Amino acid sequence: MQFFLCDCAVNTTTREQVRVANLAYQKATNDLVDSGIYDTRNDFTVVRQPFMEHMEVPTTSTGATDFSYFAPDCFHFSAKGHEAAAVELWNNMMEKVGQKGTLWNLADTLKCPSTGDGYIYTSKNS
């Protein structure tokens, strides 16, 4: 069932369409956040956390798509996928704006905040 539902993302004939649509969505989101519309207050902002921007679909040791990171609909994460994404999201929040990683590294572990900084970075304090 999962392969049937996930076919558009892993099938070589449709994968490029999914990639192009994903890049267009990322660009629109980036343009909105980078417009500065959310940087007008001292008590609220929006910061892009681009840890999945250049993500490759996880694979098994044989090179096949590792569906264990995804729910049956292939759009949502499984518990394993949520755990990996949470680590990368946290680590992105510990990196300064403009220096954030864009690759989802499944081997990463949680990073601690930098000594002396003590906050999550935004465009106003990076």
Protein backbone atom coordinates (compact mmCIF):
# COMPACT_ATOMS: atom_id res chain seq x y z
CA MET A 1 0.00 0.00 0.00
CA GLN A 2 2.75 2.46 0.95
CA PHE A 3 4.59 2.07 -2.35
CA PHE A 4 1.35 2.68 -4.25
CA LEU A 5 0.68 5.92 -2.34
CA CYS A 6 4.30 7.09 -2.52
CA ASP A 7 4.86 6.37 -6.19
CA CYS A 8 4.86 9.99 -7.38
CA ALA A 9 7.81 10.87 -5.13
CA VAL A 10 9.94 7.81 -5.85
CA ASN A 11 9.02 6.98 -9.44
CA THR A 12 11.70 8.26 -11.81
CA THR A 13 9.11 9.56 -14.29
CA THR A 14 7.31 11.79 -11.75
CA ARG A 15 10.07 12.52 -9.21
CA GLU A 16 11.25 15.58 -11.15
CA GLN A 17 7.74 17.08 -11.13
CA VAL A 18 7.58 16.64 -7.36
CA ARG A 19 11.05 18.19 -6.97
CA VAL A 20 10.14 21.22 -9.12
CA ALA A 21 6.88 21.76 -7.21
CA ASN A 22 8.77 21.48 -3.93
CA LEU A 23 11.38 24.04 -5.03
CA ALA A 24 8.64 26.48 -6.11
CA TYR A 25 6.94 26.13 -2.72
CA GLN A 26 10.27 26.67 -0.93
CA LYS A 27 10.98 29.79 -2.99
CA ALA A 28 7.56 31.29 -2.26
CA THR A 29 7.99 30.57 1.46
CA ASN A 30 11.52 32.00 1.48
CA ASP A 31 10.41 35.13 -0.37
CA LEU A 32 7.61 35.72 2.15
CA VAL A 33 9.82 35.27 5.21
CA ASP A 34 12.74 37.20 3.69
CA SER A 35 10.44 40.12 2.80
CA GLY A 36 10.79 41.38 6.37
CA ILE A 37 7.04 41.44 6.97
CA TYR A 38 7.56 39.41 10.16
CA ASP A 39 10.50 41.46 11.46
CA THR A 40 8.58 44.54 12.60
CA ARG A 41 8.15 43.61 16.27
CA ASN A 42 10.51 42.80 19.10
CA ASP A 43 8.27 40.06 20.51
CA PHE A 44 7.53 38.05 17.34
CA THR A 45 9.31 36.95 14.18
CA VAL A 46 9.43 34.10 11.71
CA VAL A 47 12.72 32.36 10.97
CA ARG A 48 13.20 29.81 8.20
CA GLN A 49 14.65 26.53 9.43
CA PRO A 50 15.96 25.10 6.14
CA PHE A 51 17.22 21.73 7.38
CA MET A 52 15.20 19.89 4.73
CA GLU A 53 15.90 22.27 1.84
CA HIS A 54 18.35 19.88 0.16
CA MET A 55 17.05 16.69 1.72
CA GLU A 56 17.44 13.40 -0.07
CA VAL A 57 14.85 10.70 0.58
CA PRO A 58 16.40 8.29 3.11
CA THR A 59 17.56 5.00 1.66
CA THR A 60 18.28 1.55 3.02
CA SER A 61 21.70 -0.10 2.87
CA THR A 62 20.71 -1.50 -0.53
CA GLY A 63 19.87 1.97 -1.91
CA ALA A 64 16.10 1.46 -1.90
CA THR A 65 13.79 4.14 -0.49
CA ASP A 66 13.53 3.71 3.29
CA PHE A 67 9.79 3.99 3.82
CA SER A 68 10.22 3.55 7.59
CA TYR A 69 10.67 7.34 7.87
CA PHE A 70 7.21 7.99 6.39
CA ALA A 71 3.58 7.32 7.27
CA PRO A 72 1.55 5.22 4.81
CA ASP A 73 0.51 8.38 2.91
CA CYS A 74 4.22 9.23 2.31
CA PHE A 75 3.51 12.89 2.97
CA HIS A 76 3.70 12.72 6.75
CA PHE A 77 6.50 11.33 8.87
CA SER A 78 6.37 8.14 10.89
CA ALA A 79 7.58 8.25 14.52
CA LYS A 80 11.10 7.52 13.23
CA GLY A 81 10.84 10.36 10.72
CA HIS A 82 9.51 12.78 13.33
CA GLU A 83 12.41 11.93 15.63
CA ALA A 84 14.99 12.62 12.90
CA ALA A 85 13.23 15.84 11.82
CA ALA A 86 12.99 17.06 15.43
CA VAL A 87 16.76 16.70 15.88
CA GLU A 88 17.44 18.66 12.70
CA LEU A 89 14.86 21.36 13.54
CA TRP A 90 16.39 21.84 16.99
CA ASN A 91 19.90 21.99 15.54
CA ASN A 92 18.79 24.56 12.93
CA MET A 93 17.36 26.74 15.72
CA MET A 94 20.79 26.67 17.41
CA GLU A 95 22.45 28.06 14.25
CA LYS A 96 22.63 31.73 13.33
CA VAL A 97 20.47 33.09 10.51
CA GLY A 98 22.53 32.85 7.33
CA GLN A 99 24.56 29.94 8.72
CA LYS A 100 21.83 27.31 9.01
CA GLY A 101 22.36 23.84 7.58
CA THR A 102 20.17 22.77 4.67
CA LEU A 103 20.83 19.02 4.67
CA TRP A 104 18.93 16.47 6.71
CA ASN A 105 21.66 14.35 8.27
CA LEU A 106 20.06 11.25 9.79
CA ALA A 107 23.16 10.61 11.92
CA ASP A 108 23.03 14.00 13.70
CA THR A 109 22.55 14.29 17.44
CA LEU A 110 21.15 17.24 19.39
CA LYS A 111 23.39 20.31 19.61
CA CYS A 112 23.56 22.41 22.74
CA PRO A 113 23.19 26.21 22.54
CA SER A 114 26.50 28.02 22.10
CA THR A 115 28.15 29.08 25.33
CA GLY A 116 27.19 32.62 26.22
CA ASP A 117 24.44 33.02 23.65
CA GLY A 118 21.58 31.34 25.50
CA TYR A 119 18.87 32.00 22.94
CA ILE A 120 17.39 30.78 19.70
CA TYR A 121 18.72 32.81 16.80
CA THR A 122 16.54 35.19 14.78
CA SER A 123 17.35 37.75 12.10
CA LYS A 124 17.54 40.40 14.84
CA ASN A 125 20.05 38.65 17.10
CA SER A 126 22.26 36.67 14.69
